[in-house]
Protein backbone atom coordinates (compact mmCIF):
# COMPACT_ATOMS: atom_id res chain seq x y z
CA UNK A 1 -8.79 -29.87 99.17
CA UNK A 2 -9.99 -29.59 102.80
CA UNK A 3 -7.06 -28.30 104.81
CA UNK A 4 -4.35 -30.82 104.02
CA UNK A 5 -6.80 -33.67 103.38
CA UNK A 6 -7.61 -34.77 99.85
CA UNK A 7 -11.32 -35.18 99.12
CA UNK A 8 -10.95 -35.58 95.33
CA UNK A 9 -8.52 -37.78 93.44
CA UNK A 10 -7.69 -38.09 89.75
CA UNK A 11 -5.88 -41.33 88.97
CA UNK A 12 -5.86 -43.28 85.70
CA UNK A 13 -9.00 -45.29 86.57
CA UNK A 14 -11.11 -42.27 87.52
CA UNK A 15 -9.85 -40.24 84.56
CA UNK A 16 -10.63 -43.07 82.12
CA UNK A 17 -14.16 -43.50 83.46
CA UNK A 18 -14.70 -39.73 83.50
CA UNK A 19 -13.66 -39.48 79.83
CA UNK A 20 -16.22 -42.13 78.90
CA UNK A 21 -18.89 -40.36 81.00
CA UNK A 22 -18.25 -37.12 79.13
CA UNK A 23 -18.10 -38.92 75.78
CA UNK A 24 -21.49 -40.59 76.22
CA UNK A 25 -23.06 -37.42 77.57
CA UNK A 26 -22.09 -35.57 74.39
CA UNK A 27 -23.32 -38.40 72.15
CA UNK A 28 -26.67 -38.62 73.93
CA UNK A 29 -27.23 -34.87 73.69
CA UNK A 30 -26.45 -35.06 69.96
CA UNK A 31 -28.83 -38.00 69.48
CA UNK A 32 -31.54 -36.29 71.51
CA UNK A 33 -31.51 -33.25 69.23
CA UNK A 34 -33.15 -35.48 66.63
CA UNK A 35 -34.92 -38.09 68.74
CA UNK A 36 -36.53 -35.72 71.25
CA UNK A 37 -37.63 -33.07 68.76
CA UNK A 38 -41.25 -32.14 69.43
CA UNK A 39 -41.33 -33.78 72.88
CA UNK A 40 -42.55 -31.96 75.95
CA UNK A 41 -40.49 -30.94 79.01
CA UNK A 42 -37.27 -30.70 77.01
CA UNK A 43 -35.81 -28.19 79.47
CA UNK A 44 -36.21 -30.69 82.30
CA UNK A 45 -34.84 -33.47 80.10
CA UNK A 46 -31.61 -31.69 79.15
CA UNK A 47 -31.26 -30.35 82.68
CA UNK A 48 -31.40 -33.89 84.08
CA UNK A 49 -28.83 -35.04 81.52
CA UNK A 50 -26.49 -32.24 82.58
CA UNK A 51 -27.01 -32.92 86.29
CA UNK A 52 -26.38 -36.63 85.74
CA UNK A 53 -23.18 -35.82 83.89
CA UNK A 54 -21.89 -33.51 86.65
CA UNK A 55 -22.98 -35.85 89.45
CA UNK A 56 -21.25 -38.79 87.75
CA UNK A 57 -18.02 -36.81 87.50
CA UNK A 58 -18.31 -35.95 91.18
CA UNK A 59 -18.76 -39.61 92.14
CA UNK A 60 -15.87 -40.74 89.95
CA UNK A 61 -13.37 -38.19 91.27
CA UNK A 62 -14.47 -38.26 94.92
CA UNK A 63 -11.90 -39.99 97.12
CA UNK A 64 -13.65 -39.12 100.38
CA UNK A 65 -16.27 -41.81 101.01
CA UNK A 66 -18.79 -39.41 102.55
CA UNK A 67 -18.57 -37.10 99.57
CA UNK A 68 -18.78 -40.10 97.24
CA UNK A 69 -22.01 -41.37 98.79
CA UNK A 70 -23.50 -37.87 98.53
CA UNK A 71 -22.89 -37.77 94.77
CA UNK A 72 -23.92 -41.42 94.40
CA UNK A 73 -27.24 -40.93 96.18
CA UNK A 74 -27.98 -37.65 94.43
CA UNK A 75 -27.85 -39.39 91.04
CA UNK A 76 -31.06 -41.24 91.93
CA UNK A 77 -33.09 -38.04 91.48
CA UNK A 78 -32.33 -37.34 87.78
CA UNK A 79 -32.58 -41.09 87.13
CA UNK A 80 -36.12 -41.06 88.53
CA UNK A 81 -37.07 -37.98 86.52
CA UNK A 82 -35.61 -39.21 83.22
CA UNK A 83 -37.32 -42.61 83.41
CA UNK A 84 -40.60 -40.93 84.39
CA UNK A 85 -40.52 -38.86 81.18
CA UNK A 86 -41.17 -41.97 79.10
CA UNK A 87 -44.36 -42.07 77.07
CA UNK A 88 -45.32 -45.60 78.14
CA UNK A 89 -48.24 -45.99 80.52
CA UNK A 90 -46.04 -47.69 83.11
CA UNK A 91 -43.27 -45.06 82.98
CA UNK A 92 -44.31 -43.47 86.28
CA UNK A 93 -44.51 -46.85 88.02
CA UNK A 94 -41.14 -47.91 86.60
CA UNK A 95 -39.53 -44.65 87.74
CA UNK A 96 -40.87 -45.21 91.26
CA UNK A 97 -39.68 -48.82 91.26
CA UNK A 98 -36.21 -47.77 90.11
CA UNK A 99 -36.00 -45.03 92.72
CA UNK A 100 -36.98 -47.40 95.54
CA UNK A 101 -34.60 -50.17 94.43
CA UNK A 102 -31.65 -47.82 93.96
CA UNK A 103 -32.54 -45.83 97.09
CA UNK A 104 -32.96 -48.98 99.17
CA UNK A 105 -29.52 -50.25 98.26
CA UNK A 106 -28.12 -46.77 98.93
CA UNK A 107 -29.37 -47.21 102.51
CA UNK A 108 -27.42 -50.47 102.70
CA UNK A 109 -24.39 -48.59 101.45
CA UNK A 110 -24.76 -46.07 104.29
CA UNK A 111 -24.85 -48.96 106.74
CA UNK A 112 -21.77 -50.43 105.09
CA UNK A 113 -19.94 -47.11 105.39
CA UNK A 114 -20.88 -46.90 109.07
CA UNK A 115 -19.44 -50.37 109.71
CA UNK A 116 -16.38 -49.49 107.65
CA UNK A 117 -15.87 -46.31 109.66
CA UNK A 118 -16.03 -48.36 112.85
CA UNK A 119 -13.53 -50.92 111.56
CA UNK A 120 -11.16 -48.21 110.31
CA UNK A 121 -10.81 -46.82 113.83
CA UNK A 122 -13.22 -43.84 113.70
CA UNK A 123 -11.24 -41.65 111.29
CA UNK A 124 -12.21 -38.03 110.85
CA UNK A 125 -14.55 -37.31 107.97
CA UNK A 126 -11.73 -35.71 105.99
CA UNK A 127 -9.53 -38.79 106.45
CA UNK A 128 -12.28 -41.29 105.52
CA UNK A 129 -10.88 -41.96 102.04
CA UNK A 130 -11.02 -44.88 99.60
CA UNK A 131 -7.28 -44.79 99.10
CA UNK A 132 -6.62 -44.80 102.86
CA UNK A 133 -8.48 -48.02 103.72
CA UNK A 134 -7.38 -51.58 103.02
CA UNK A 135 -9.31 -53.99 105.22
CA UNK A 136 -9.00 -57.77 104.98
CA UNK A 137 -12.27 -59.66 104.65
CA UNK A 138 -11.47 -61.87 107.62
CA UNK A 139 -14.13 -60.77 110.11
CA UNK A 140 -17.92 -60.91 110.10
CA UNK A 141 -18.15 -57.12 110.37
CA UNK A 142 -15.84 -56.61 107.38
CA UNK A 143 -17.84 -59.09 105.29
CA UNK A 144 -21.09 -57.32 106.25
CA UNK A 145 -19.61 -53.96 105.25
CA UNK A 146 -18.45 -55.37 101.93
CA UNK A 147 -21.84 -56.96 101.15
CA UNK A 148 -23.71 -53.76 102.04
CA UNK A 149 -21.49 -51.70 99.74
CA UNK A 150 -21.64 -54.42 97.09
CA UNK A 151 -25.45 -54.22 97.01
CA UNK A 152 -25.25 -50.61 95.88
CA UNK A 153 -22.87 -51.44 93.03
CA UNK A 154 -25.05 -54.36 91.91
CA UNK A 155 -28.19 -52.24 91.86
CA UNK A 156 -26.51 -49.39 90.01
CA UNK A 157 -24.93 -51.71 87.42
CA UNK A 158 -28.12 -53.78 87.11
CA UNK A 159 -26.93 -57.20 88.32
CA UNK A 160 -28.88 -59.93 90.09
CA UNK A 161 -30.81 -59.76 92.37
CA UNK A 162 -31.40 -55.99 91.96
CA UNK A 163 -31.65 -56.11 88.16
CA UNK A 164 -35.38 -55.90 87.45
CA UNK A 165 -35.46 -52.13 87.04
CA UNK A 166 -33.18 -52.34 83.97
CA UNK A 167 -35.49 -54.23 81.54
CA UNK A 168 -38.50 -52.32 82.86
CA UNK A 169 -36.81 -48.95 82.40
CA UNK A 170 -35.43 -49.97 79.00
CA UNK A 171 -38.93 -50.77 77.76
CA UNK A 172 -40.82 -47.86 79.29
CA UNK A 173 -38.51 -44.88 78.80
CA UNK A 174 -37.02 -43.14 75.77
CA UNK A 175 -34.26 -45.00 73.93
CA UNK A 176 -31.86 -42.10 74.56
CA UNK A 177 -32.40 -42.43 78.32
CA UNK A 178 -31.92 -46.22 78.16
CA UNK A 179 -28.68 -45.74 76.23
CA UNK A 180 -27.48 -43.02 78.61
CA UNK A 181 -28.20 -44.61 82.00
CA UNK A 182 -28.67 -48.39 82.29
CA UNK A 183 -26.52 -49.02 79.20
CA UNK A 184 -23.70 -46.55 79.83
CA UNK A 185 -23.33 -44.33 82.89
CA UNK A 186 -24.84 -46.66 85.49
CA UNK A 187 -22.64 -49.51 84.25
CA UNK A 188 -19.58 -47.27 84.39
CA UNK A 189 -20.33 -46.08 87.93
CA UNK A 190 -21.38 -49.46 89.31
CA UNK A 191 -18.36 -51.37 88.01
CA UNK A 192 -16.05 -48.45 88.82
CA UNK A 193 -17.00 -48.65 92.50
CA UNK A 194 -16.79 -52.46 92.42
CA UNK A 195 -13.19 -52.03 91.23
CA UNK A 196 -12.52 -49.66 94.14
CA UNK A 197 -14.07 -52.11 96.62
CA UNK A 198 -12.08 -55.03 95.27
CA UNK A 199 -8.70 -53.41 94.66
CA UNK A 200 -8.49 -50.71 97.32
CA UNK A 201 -11.03 -50.66 100.14
CA UNK A 202 -10.92 -54.42 100.93
CA UNK A 203 -8.46 -57.26 100.56
CA UNK A 204 -10.36 -60.05 98.83
CA UNK A 205 -10.34 -63.66 99.98
CA UNK A 206 -10.74 -66.80 97.83
CA UNK A 207 -14.21 -67.32 99.30
CA UNK A 208 -15.37 -63.83 98.34
CA UNK A 209 -13.84 -64.18 94.89
CA UNK A 210 -15.80 -67.41 94.45
CA UNK A 211 -18.96 -65.62 95.56
CA UNK A 212 -18.44 -62.91 92.93
CA UNK A 213 -17.76 -65.44 90.18
CA UNK A 214 -20.88 -67.41 91.10
CA UNK A 215 -22.95 -64.22 91.11
CA UNK A 216 -21.52 -63.19 87.72
CA UNK A 217 -22.16 -66.59 86.17
CA UNK A 218 -25.76 -66.73 87.41
CA UNK A 219 -26.36 -63.19 86.12
CA UNK A 220 -25.04 -64.12 82.67
CA UNK A 221 -27.19 -67.23 82.22
CA UNK A 222 -30.37 -66.07 83.93
CA UNK A 223 -30.57 -62.75 82.07
CA UNK A 224 -29.75 -64.17 78.64
CA UNK A 225 -32.35 -66.92 79.08
CA UNK A 226 -34.94 -64.23 79.81
CA UNK A 227 -33.79 -62.28 76.74
CA UNK A 228 -34.37 -65.28 74.50
CA UNK A 229 -38.14 -65.22 74.98
CA UNK A 230 -38.82 -61.46 74.93
CA UNK A 231 -41.15 -59.96 72.32
CA UNK A 232 -40.22 -56.31 72.84
CA UNK A 233 -37.09 -54.85 71.24
CA UNK A 234 -36.03 -52.57 74.09
CA UNK A 235 -36.92 -55.05 76.85
CA UNK A 236 -34.80 -57.70 75.14
CA UNK A 237 -31.90 -55.26 75.01
CA UNK A 238 -32.51 -54.48 78.69
CA UNK A 239 -32.03 -58.11 79.69
CA UNK A 240 -28.82 -58.23 77.68
CA UNK A 241 -27.64 -55.15 79.56
CA UNK A 242 -28.08 -57.22 82.73
CA UNK A 243 -26.35 -60.28 81.26
CA UNK A 244 -23.27 -58.32 80.23
CA UNK A 245 -22.76 -57.09 83.80
CA UNK A 246 -22.25 -60.71 84.76
CA UNK A 247 -19.10 -60.86 82.61
CA UNK A 248 -17.67 -57.81 84.36
CA UNK A 249 -18.36 -59.24 87.82
CA UNK A 250 -16.99 -62.62 86.75
CA UNK A 251 -13.77 -61.08 85.45
CA UNK A 252 -13.20 -58.99 88.58
CA UNK A 253 -14.09 -61.95 90.78
CA UNK A 254 -11.32 -64.12 89.32
CA UNK A 255 -8.79 -62.16 91.34
CA UNK A 256 -6.43 -62.57 88.39
CA UNK A 257 -4.81 -59.46 86.99
CA UNK A 258 -5.78 -60.65 83.52
CA UNK A 259 -9.38 -61.28 84.58
CA UNK A 260 -9.67 -57.90 86.32
CA UNK A 261 -8.29 -56.16 83.24
CA UNK A 262 -10.80 -58.11 81.13
CA UNK A 263 -13.67 -57.07 83.41
CA UNK A 264 -12.67 -53.41 83.16
CA UNK A 265 -12.20 -53.67 79.38
CA UNK A 266 -15.60 -55.34 79.06
CA UNK A 267 -17.16 -52.49 81.03
CA UNK A 268 -15.87 -50.02 78.45
CA UNK A 269 -16.81 -52.24 75.51
CA UNK A 270 -20.30 -52.83 76.84
CA UNK A 271 -21.04 -49.13 77.01
CA UNK A 272 -20.10 -48.84 73.32
CA UNK A 273 -22.13 -51.64 71.78
CA UNK A 274 -25.03 -51.54 74.23
CA UNK A 275 -25.57 -47.81 73.75
CA UNK A 276 -25.33 -48.30 69.98
CA UNK A 277 -28.00 -51.01 70.14
CA UNK A 278 -30.38 -48.84 72.15
CA UNK A 279 -29.86 -45.83 69.89
CA UNK A 280 -30.44 -47.92 66.75
CA UNK A 281 -33.51 -49.46 68.39
CA UNK A 282 -34.77 -45.97 69.16
CA UNK A 283 -34.37 -44.97 65.51
CA UNK A 284 -36.45 -47.98 64.46
CA UNK A 285 -39.06 -47.17 67.09
CA UNK A 286 -39.32 -43.60 65.83
CA UNK A 287 -40.01 -44.80 62.27
CA UNK A 288 -42.15 -47.85 63.03
CA UNK A 289 -44.09 -46.42 65.97
CA UNK A 290 -43.59 -49.65 67.94
CA UNK A 291 -40.97 -51.92 69.51
CA UNK A 292 -43.14 -55.03 69.35
CA UNK A 293 -41.08 -57.60 67.42
CA UNK A 294 -44.23 -59.15 65.98
CA UNK A 295 -45.04 -55.86 64.25
CA UNK A 296 -41.58 -55.17 62.83
CA UNK A 297 -39.61 -56.54 59.90
CA UNK A 298 -37.96 -55.51 56.64
CA UNK A 299 -36.17 -52.40 57.92
CA UNK A 300 -32.76 -53.38 56.52
CA UNK A 301 -33.59 -51.85 53.11
CA UNK A 302 -35.43 -48.88 54.52
CA UNK A 303 -32.74 -48.00 57.11
CA UNK A 304 -29.44 -49.48 55.85
CA UNK A 305 -27.13 -47.35 58.02
CA UNK A 306 -29.12 -48.11 61.15
CA UNK A 307 -29.08 -51.79 60.20
CA UNK A 308 -25.31 -51.71 59.67
CA UNK A 309 -24.62 -50.16 63.06
CA UNK A 310 -27.04 -52.55 64.76
CA UNK A 311 -25.42 -55.55 63.08
CA UNK A 312 -21.91 -54.52 64.14
CA UNK A 313 -23.03 -53.92 67.74
CA UNK A 314 -24.88 -57.27 67.74
CA UNK A 315 -21.78 -59.15 66.62
CA UNK A 316 -19.75 -57.27 69.24
CA UNK A 317 -22.03 -58.12 72.15
CA UNK A 318 -22.14 -61.77 71.04
CA UNK A 319 -18.35 -61.95 71.21
CA UNK A 320 -17.76 -62.53 67.49
CA UNK A 321 -14.19 -61.68 66.38
CA UNK A 322 -12.71 -59.28 65.50
CA UNK A 323 -15.07 -56.93 67.35
CA UNK A 324 -14.38 -55.51 70.81
CA UNK A 325 -16.73 -57.82 72.69
CA UNK A 326 -14.62 -60.82 71.72
CA UNK A 327 -11.39 -59.18 72.91
CA UNK A 328 -12.67 -58.48 76.45
CA UNK A 329 -14.50 -61.81 76.78
CA UNK A 330 -11.35 -63.62 75.64
CA UNK A 331 -9.43 -61.90 78.45
CA UNK A 332 -12.10 -62.91 80.96
CA UNK A 333 -11.88 -66.51 79.78
CA UNK A 334 -8.14 -66.42 80.36
CA UNK A 335 -8.67 -64.88 83.79
CA UNK A 336 -10.91 -67.83 84.69
CA UNK A 337 -8.23 -70.26 83.52
CA UNK A 338 -5.64 -68.32 85.51
CA UNK A 339 -7.87 -68.56 88.58
CA UNK A 340 -8.11 -72.32 88.07
CA UNK A 341 -4.32 -72.64 88.12
CA UNK A 342 -4.24 -71.28 91.67
CA UNK A 343 -6.82 -73.54 93.25
CA UNK A 344 -10.09 -72.35 91.76
CA UNK A 345 -11.65 -75.79 91.44
CA UNK A 346 -14.89 -74.49 89.93
CA UNK A 347 -13.21 -72.79 86.98
CA UNK A 348 -14.87 -75.22 84.55
CA UNK A 349 -18.30 -74.09 85.75
CA UNK A 350 -17.47 -70.39 85.38
CA UNK A 351 -15.93 -70.90 81.93
CA UNK A 352 -18.89 -72.96 80.74
CA UNK A 353 -21.33 -70.28 81.94
CA UNK A 354 -19.40 -67.50 80.21
CA UNK A 355 -19.12 -69.36 76.91
CA UNK A 356 -22.75 -70.53 77.01
CA UNK A 357 -23.79 -66.93 77.65
CA UNK A 358 -22.01 -65.82 74.49
CA UNK A 359 -23.65 -68.55 72.42
CA UNK A 360 -27.12 -67.72 73.76
CA UNK A 361 -26.47 -64.02 73.19
CA UNK A 362 -25.69 -64.71 69.54
CA UNK A 363 -28.85 -66.83 69.26
CA UNK A 364 -31.07 -64.10 70.70
CA UNK A 365 -29.59 -61.47 68.38
CA UNK A 366 -30.20 -63.71 65.38
CA UNK A 367 -33.84 -63.63 66.46
CA UNK A 368 -33.74 -59.86 66.95
CA UNK A 369 -32.07 -59.04 63.62
CA UNK A 370 -34.49 -61.30 61.74
CA UNK A 371 -37.53 -59.83 63.48
CA UNK A 372 -36.55 -56.18 63.00
CA UNK A 373 -34.46 -55.96 59.85
CA UNK A 374 -34.36 -59.12 57.72
CA UNK A 375 -37.80 -60.66 58.16
CA UNK A 376 -40.87 -59.91 56.09
CA UNK A 377 -42.52 -56.55 56.86
CA UNK A 378 -45.57 -56.58 59.09
CA UNK A 379 -48.71 -54.85 57.91
CA UNK A 380 -49.54 -54.08 61.55
CA UNK A 381 -46.77 -51.53 61.98
CA UNK A 382 -47.78 -47.90 62.29
CA UNK A 383 -45.42 -47.06 59.43
CA UNK A 384 -44.39 -49.66 56.85
CA UNK A 385 -40.70 -50.08 55.93
CA UNK A 386 -41.37 -48.99 52.36
CA UNK A 387 -42.59 -45.64 53.65
CA UNK A 388 -39.67 -45.21 56.04
CA UNK A 389 -36.39 -43.45 55.70
CA UNK A 390 -33.17 -43.12 57.65
CA UNK A 391 -33.03 -40.96 60.73
CA UNK A 392 -31.42 -37.55 60.55
CA UNK A 393 -27.69 -36.86 60.97
CA UNK A 394 -28.13 -35.97 64.66
CA UNK A 395 -29.33 -39.52 65.39
CA UNK A 396 -27.13 -41.38 62.89
CA UNK A 397 -23.82 -39.76 63.92
CA UNK A 398 -23.67 -41.23 67.46
CA UNK A 399 -24.65 -44.68 66.15
CA UNK A 400 -21.96 -44.64 63.46
CA UNK A 401 -19.30 -43.43 65.94
CA UNK A 402 -20.17 -46.15 68.45
CA UNK A 403 -20.22 -48.86 65.77
CA UNK A 404 -16.84 -47.68 64.47
CA UNK A 405 -15.38 -47.83 67.99
CA UNK A 406 -16.66 -51.40 68.34
CA UNK A 407 -14.44 -52.24 65.38
CA UNK A 408 -11.46 -50.13 66.48
CA UNK A 409 -11.48 -51.44 70.07
CA UNK A 410 -11.50 -54.99 68.66
CA UNK A 411 -9.02 -54.78 65.81
CA UNK A 412 -6.63 -52.44 67.64
CA UNK A 413 -7.34 -53.78 71.14
CA UNK A 414 -3.67 -54.03 72.17
CA UNK A 415 -2.45 -50.73 70.82
CA UNK A 416 -5.32 -48.42 71.86
CA UNK A 417 -7.75 -49.40 74.67
CA UNK A 418 -5.56 -51.90 76.53
CA UNK A 419 -2.29 -49.98 76.33
CA UNK A 420 -3.74 -46.50 76.83
CA UNK A 421 -6.71 -47.08 79.15
CA UNK A 422 -7.10 -50.51 80.75
CA UNK A 423 -3.58 -51.52 81.83
CA UNK A 424 -2.68 -48.06 83.23
CA UNK A 425 -5.96 -48.05 85.20
CA UNK A 426 -5.00 -51.22 87.10
CA UNK A 427 -1.27 -50.37 87.22
CA UNK A 428 -0.31 -53.70 85.69
CA UNK A 429 0.50 -55.28 82.35
CA UNK A 430 -0.63 -58.92 82.57
CA UNK A 431 0.77 -61.69 80.44
CA UNK A 432 -1.72 -63.45 78.20
CA UNK A 433 -2.13 -67.21 78.44
CA UNK A 434 -3.05 -67.51 74.76
CA UNK A 435 -2.22 -65.76 71.52
CA UNK A 436 -4.61 -63.54 69.61
CA UNK A 437 -3.51 -61.33 66.73
CA UNK A 438 -6.56 -59.20 65.93
CA UNK A 439 -5.06 -57.40 62.92
CA UNK A 440 -4.02 -60.60 61.16
CA UNK A 441 -7.31 -62.28 62.07
CA UNK A 442 -9.25 -59.32 60.71
CA UNK A 443 -7.34 -59.49 57.43
CA UNK A 444 -8.11 -63.19 57.06
CA UNK A 445 -11.78 -62.65 57.91
CA UNK A 446 -12.07 -59.88 55.34
CA UNK A 447 -10.33 -62.10 52.81
CA UNK A 448 -12.88 -64.85 53.45
CA UNK A 449 -15.79 -62.42 53.20
CA UNK A 450 -14.40 -61.02 49.97
CA UNK A 451 -14.17 -64.51 48.51
CA UNK A 452 -17.78 -65.09 49.49
CA UNK A 453 -18.89 -61.89 47.76
CA UNK A 454 -17.05 -62.87 44.58
CA UNK A 455 -18.69 -66.29 44.60
CA UNK A 456 -22.07 -64.66 45.12
CA UNK A 457 -21.53 -62.25 42.23
CA UNK A 458 -20.49 -65.09 39.95
CA UNK A 459 -23.65 -66.97 40.88
CA UNK A 460 -25.82 -63.90 40.44
CA UNK A 461 -24.30 -63.26 36.98
CA UNK A 462 -25.76 -66.50 35.70
CA UNK A 463 -29.24 -66.48 34.30
CA UNK A 464 -31.85 -67.28 36.93
CA UNK A 465 -35.53 -67.99 36.69
CA UNK A 466 -38.02 -66.44 39.07
CA UNK A 467 -41.15 -68.32 40.00
CA UNK A 468 -44.02 -67.78 42.36
CA UNK A 469 -43.59 -69.21 45.86
CA UNK A 470 -45.14 -72.61 46.37
CA UNK A 471 -45.50 -75.27 49.05
CA UNK A 472 -45.91 -78.94 48.12
CA UNK A 473 -46.22 -78.04 44.45
CA UNK A 474 -49.17 -75.70 45.05
CA UNK A 475 -48.70 -72.02 44.29
CA UNK A 476 -49.43 -69.74 47.24
CA UNK A 477 -52.08 -67.12 46.48
CA UNK A 478 -51.11 -65.02 49.49
CA UNK A 479 -47.43 -65.33 50.39
CA UNK A 480 -47.85 -62.85 53.26
CA UNK A 481 -49.78 -65.52 55.11
CA UNK A 482 -46.52 -67.48 55.37
CA UNK A 483 -44.73 -64.69 57.24
CA UNK A 484 -42.38 -66.04 59.93
CA UNK A 485 -41.91 -63.62 62.81
CA UNK A 486 -38.81 -63.58 64.94
CA UNK A 487 -41.00 -63.83 68.01
CA UNK A 488 -41.51 -67.52 67.21
CA UNK A 489 -37.77 -68.25 67.50
CA UNK A 490 -36.91 -70.46 70.49
CA UNK A 491 -40.55 -70.81 71.46
CA UNK A 492 -39.84 -74.47 72.24
CA UNK A 493 -37.45 -73.30 74.98
CA UNK A 494 -40.44 -72.06 76.96
CA UNK A 495 -42.11 -75.45 76.65
CA UNK A 496 -39.30 -77.37 78.36
CA UNK A 497 -40.61 -78.64 81.73
CA UNK A 498 -38.10 -76.97 84.06
CA UNK A 499 -37.72 -73.78 82.04
CA UNK A 500 -41.47 -73.47 81.61
CA UNK A 501 -41.85 -73.37 85.39
CA UNK A 502 -39.08 -70.79 85.72
CA UNK A 503 -40.59 -68.57 83.01
CA UNK A 504 -44.04 -68.74 84.61
CA UNK A 505 -42.57 -67.75 87.97
CA UNK A 506 -40.74 -64.89 86.28
CA UNK A 507 -44.01 -63.68 84.72
CA UNK A 508 -45.51 -63.64 88.21
CA UNK A 509 -42.57 -61.50 89.43
CA UNK A 510 -41.34 -64.26 91.75
CA UNK A 511 -37.70 -63.20 91.18
CA UNK A 512 -38.38 -59.46 91.38
CA UNK A 513 -36.97 -58.14 94.66
CA UNK A 514 -39.14 -55.04 94.43
CA UNK A 515 -42.38 -56.92 93.81
CA UNK A 516 -41.69 -59.55 96.48
CA UNK A 517 -40.74 -56.83 98.95
CA UNK A 518 -43.89 -54.85 98.13
CA UNK A 519 -46.09 -57.91 98.71
CA UNK A 520 -44.45 -58.64 102.06
CA UNK A 521 -44.77 -55.00 103.12
CA UNK A 522 -48.45 -54.79 102.22
CA UNK A 523 -49.12 -58.13 103.94
CA UNK A 524 -47.47 -56.84 107.11
CA UNK A 525 -49.47 -53.60 106.83
CA UNK A 526 -52.71 -55.55 106.56
CA UNK A 527 -51.83 -57.50 109.71
CA UNK A 528 -51.09 -54.27 111.57
CA UNK A 529 -54.29 -52.75 110.23
CA UNK A 530 -56.29 -55.68 111.53
CA UNK A 531 -54.64 -55.38 114.94
CA UNK A 532 -55.22 -51.63 115.18
CA UNK A 533 -58.90 -51.38 114.35
CA UNK A 534 -59.66 -48.39 116.61
CA UNK A 535 -61.76 -50.40 119.06
CA UNK A 536 -61.02 -49.57 122.73
CA UNK A 537 -61.36 -53.16 124.06
CA UNK A 538 -58.78 -54.40 121.57
CA UNK A 539 -56.28 -51.68 122.59
CA UNK A 540 -56.83 -52.52 126.27
CA UNK A 541 -56.17 -56.19 125.47
CA UNK A 542 -52.90 -55.25 123.74
CA UNK A 543 -51.87 -53.13 126.74
CA UNK A 544 -52.62 -55.98 129.12
CA UNK A 545 -50.70 -58.47 126.97
CA UNK A 546 -47.72 -56.11 126.78
CA UNK A 547 -47.75 -55.57 130.55
CA UNK A 548 -47.77 -59.31 131.19
CA UNK A 549 -44.83 -59.84 128.82
CA UNK A 550 -42.80 -57.10 130.53
CA UNK A 551 -43.54 -58.53 133.98
CA UNK A 552 -42.52 -61.99 132.80
CA UNK A 553 -39.23 -60.71 131.48
CA UNK A 554 -38.51 -58.79 134.69
CA UNK A 555 -39.24 -61.80 136.87
CA UNK A 556 -36.88 -64.14 134.99
């Protein structure tokens, strides 16, 4: 409290997000006790985790916009330090890139707050609260303020066009950091503030809702297409972290209560399965000594629990029922249809993008699971699967908990997450356009799987004959030469004329805002350097030219 003015607020949305922030902080600390053992600078590492946790709580509970931006901006410091602790050669560069991208959009947020303060009638700092502003997006200034504030949420959540730090950080930093920040806390904070912008600070218009849905759809397709062709485990997961943000933006952009609830539910679900994927990937990296998909394979037998958690999270992110990813995506689909009923003529485009994203996500995880767990082992790995073992309890416990929640939040979606968390957070209980009974569907799915197991056992009970592998009737002397790596999956996608051009431009960083901005800045610096060479005649010429320009302007 500041006098009689509220600077903090605890409503159902902020409390729900804060609970998830605390939950993931505890899980990451537990996982780190095993994963970070023997690493250097552990004091700094755990200190940054604690500071990030406290700063996130401050941002979530802050109702005063000035206090909120202080917490929001401060979180960039531990983010920079945690990414910089990675053991990859590019970790320092990636930390700097992340800091500049996040910090640059924070500057836009300050500009947006300044415009918002002007439009709100110059309120006192204590009265400048999220809950006290409700501006319609009917003026140019209001739209500019919204876009400036939106840029900060997009960068924090990792959406286009400020997304490139997410796959870079995922690849170059520790798996625990990737699971903690780009996969969990940054998604929670970014989408949390987007909810505040959309539901409280501004009154949305159909045009702005269409803009959000277009941005979400592009993010879904562009990121998942990049994930398809990746050869690094953590970088592939990083692109999927970007793609999933698109679903959240798409759901919120529908303007439908059902779509907004689906976007919020997907935010919570994403933190569960995406963190589980990163943690399981980190366990594999610790045993194999690499995240190169071409050097992995066969870890399903060596690490069965890790494989089980990874498989459940993979099915969840792909939207396969009855897991939680399907439940939230299904709500977003219905929100798109609801938007179409009220004049959203492009609803077919948004629905097609969302469903295509799910199909491509499933395809890329088929590649990933084959390359890491089900494919033939690679002799190039630092540690072969036969010599490996499961991670310790400190690392396995968080993965198992997250995988279990992926099941619970899917099977019991109505009775637990929707009824207790999502619907109270938006103060509404939307009516569903379709019918989905997750408990009954789960029973039928288990019944079908059980029948399949029985059929398999009956087939395995019969006598079988084993023979050496052969091709064309000729026995193979070296079967390992026939190894099929998951990296070869979808290679033909890169050879398609249009996509080949897009992928080559992506390799050259043509879509990287940071890289393009750096090139423009250095080009401008070189021009200035050429103009200011230190030669006196050139400076005198500049002074004369400037004087003539001033005189011309004065004489007009």
